[in-house]
Amino acid sequence: MSVGYRWHRFCRISVRKNEINNKIINKMIRPLADRVVIEPKAAETQTASGLYIPDTAKEKPQQGTVVAAGPGKKDEPMEVKVGDVVIYGKYAGTEVSVEGKDYLIMKQSDILAIL
């Protein structure tokens, strides 16, 4: 087996796992109206210069990936879709834990930008 074949197979498998995880989340948590479910990005454990950040000094992440999105409101259609990487307010949303994973449920208006 060549390295290229193994890499292609790995990428295909990881994409497939993400699709399966998104389907599971969509079945477990179905947001209503203009709400979205976001999986926060992991907090950084090391600075750019190589210093390790203790747990007490870590900042809450403000970036994440949209896992599920509601249908929107009549007068306000949804601008975000599943898979978008977004930036949101520091204290926005409600924290929810499903099967050991942490998610945030928030209104679309709490999202500041799409990357």
Protein backbone atom coordinates (compact mmCIF):
# COMPACT_ATOMS: atom_id res chain seq x y z
CA MET A 1 0.00 0.00 0.00
CA SER A 2 1.35 3.38 -0.92
CA VAL A 3 1.35 6.35 1.42
CA GLY A 4 -0.94 8.28 -0.94
CA TYR A 5 -3.54 5.52 -0.89
CA ARG A 6 -3.46 5.30 2.91
CA TRP A 7 -3.77 9.09 3.25
CA HIS A 8 -6.71 9.18 0.82
CA ARG A 9 -8.40 6.35 2.71
CA PHE A 10 -7.81 8.10 6.07
CA CYS A 11 -9.29 11.38 4.76
CA ARG A 12 -12.30 9.56 3.35
CA ILE A 13 -12.88 7.73 6.65
CA SER A 14 -12.54 10.91 8.75
CA VAL A 15 -14.99 12.79 6.50
CA ARG A 16 -17.41 9.87 6.79
CA LYS A 17 -17.11 9.91 10.61
CA ASN A 18 -17.91 13.65 10.66
CA GLU A 19 -20.98 13.08 8.48
CA ILE A 20 -22.17 10.31 10.80
CA ASN A 21 -21.55 12.44 13.92
CA ASN A 22 -23.50 15.35 12.39
CA LYS A 23 -26.45 13.06 11.61
CA ILE A 24 -26.43 11.73 15.18
CA ILE A 25 -26.36 15.25 16.64
CA ASN A 26 -29.16 16.39 14.31
CA LYS A 27 -31.32 13.51 15.55
CA MET A 28 -30.50 14.14 19.22
CA ILE A 29 -30.67 17.94 19.27
CA ARG A 30 -32.98 19.63 16.80
CA PRO A 31 -32.87 23.40 17.29
CA LEU A 32 -36.06 25.39 16.81
CA ALA A 33 -36.64 28.71 15.02
CA ASP A 34 -33.41 30.73 14.70
CA ARG A 35 -31.31 28.63 17.11
CA VAL A 36 -28.06 26.88 16.19
CA VAL A 37 -26.03 24.15 17.89
CA ILE A 38 -22.30 24.86 17.95
CA GLU A 39 -19.39 22.62 18.88
CA PRO A 40 -16.81 24.95 20.47
CA LYS A 41 -13.19 24.80 19.35
CA ALA A 42 -10.87 23.36 21.98
CA ALA A 43 -9.13 25.93 24.18
CA GLU A 44 -5.43 26.43 23.49
CA THR A 45 -3.14 24.64 25.93
CA GLN A 46 0.10 26.22 24.75
CA THR A 47 1.14 29.75 23.77
CA ALA A 48 2.95 30.61 20.55
CA SER A 49 6.22 30.82 22.45
CA GLY A 50 5.78 27.30 23.87
CA LEU A 51 4.54 28.02 27.40
CA TYR A 52 1.77 25.79 28.74
CA ILE A 53 -1.38 27.53 29.96
CA PRO A 54 -2.82 26.17 33.25
CA ASP A 55 -6.52 25.21 33.34
CA THR A 56 -7.33 28.13 35.64
CA ALA A 57 -5.97 30.69 33.17
CA LYS A 58 -7.54 29.33 29.96
CA GLU A 59 -10.01 31.59 28.21
CA LYS A 60 -13.38 30.38 27.03
CA PRO A 61 -13.23 29.67 23.27
CA GLN A 62 -15.13 32.08 21.02
CA GLN A 63 -14.96 30.03 17.84
CA GLY A 64 -16.74 26.84 16.85
CA THR A 65 -18.40 24.76 14.14
CA VAL A 66 -22.14 24.76 13.48
CA VAL A 67 -23.43 21.22 14.01
CA ALA A 68 -27.17 21.83 13.57
CA ALA A 69 -29.33 24.79 12.58
CA GLY A 70 -33.04 25.49 12.95
CA PRO A 71 -35.37 26.39 10.08
CA GLY A 72 -35.30 30.13 10.84
CA LYS A 73 -38.16 32.59 11.33
CA LYS A 74 -40.62 33.88 8.75
CA ASP A 75 -39.09 37.34 8.68
CA GLU A 76 -35.49 36.22 9.36
CA PRO A 77 -34.05 33.35 7.25
CA MET A 78 -31.04 31.36 8.50
CA GLU A 79 -27.71 32.70 7.25
CA VAL A 80 -25.58 29.93 8.77
CA LYS A 81 -25.57 26.30 7.73
CA VAL A 82 -24.13 23.08 9.10
CA GLY A 83 -20.34 23.00 8.82
CA ASP A 84 -19.78 26.78 9.00
CA VAL A 85 -17.00 27.94 11.32
CA VAL A 86 -18.29 30.90 13.33
CA ILE A 87 -17.18 33.43 15.93
CA TYR A 88 -19.63 34.15 18.75
CA GLY A 89 -19.82 36.30 21.88
CA LYS A 90 -17.86 35.25 24.94
CA TYR A 91 -20.91 34.60 27.12
CA ALA A 92 -23.40 33.72 24.37
CA GLY A 93 -25.50 30.59 24.36
CA THR A 94 -26.44 27.81 26.73
CA GLU A 95 -23.97 25.01 27.40
CA VAL A 96 -25.31 21.49 26.83
CA SER A 97 -23.52 18.15 27.18
CA VAL A 98 -24.58 15.21 24.98
CA GLU A 99 -22.83 11.85 25.34
CA GLY A 100 -19.80 13.49 26.97
CA LYS A 101 -19.37 16.21 24.33
CA ASP A 102 -20.04 19.87 25.06
CA TYR A 103 -22.17 22.00 22.74
CA LEU A 104 -23.62 25.51 22.78
CA ILE A 105 -27.17 26.36 21.76
CA MET A 106 -27.59 30.01 20.80
CA LYS A 107 -29.62 32.36 18.64
CA GLN A 108 -28.35 33.22 15.20
CA SER A 109 -28.13 36.87 16.28
CA ASP A 110 -25.48 35.90 18.91
CA ILE A 111 -23.12 34.85 16.10
CA LEU A 112 -20.74 37.68 15.22
CA ALA A 113 -19.11 36.37 12.02
CA ILE A 114 -18.74 33.39 9.69
CA LEU A 115 -15.14 32.45 8.83
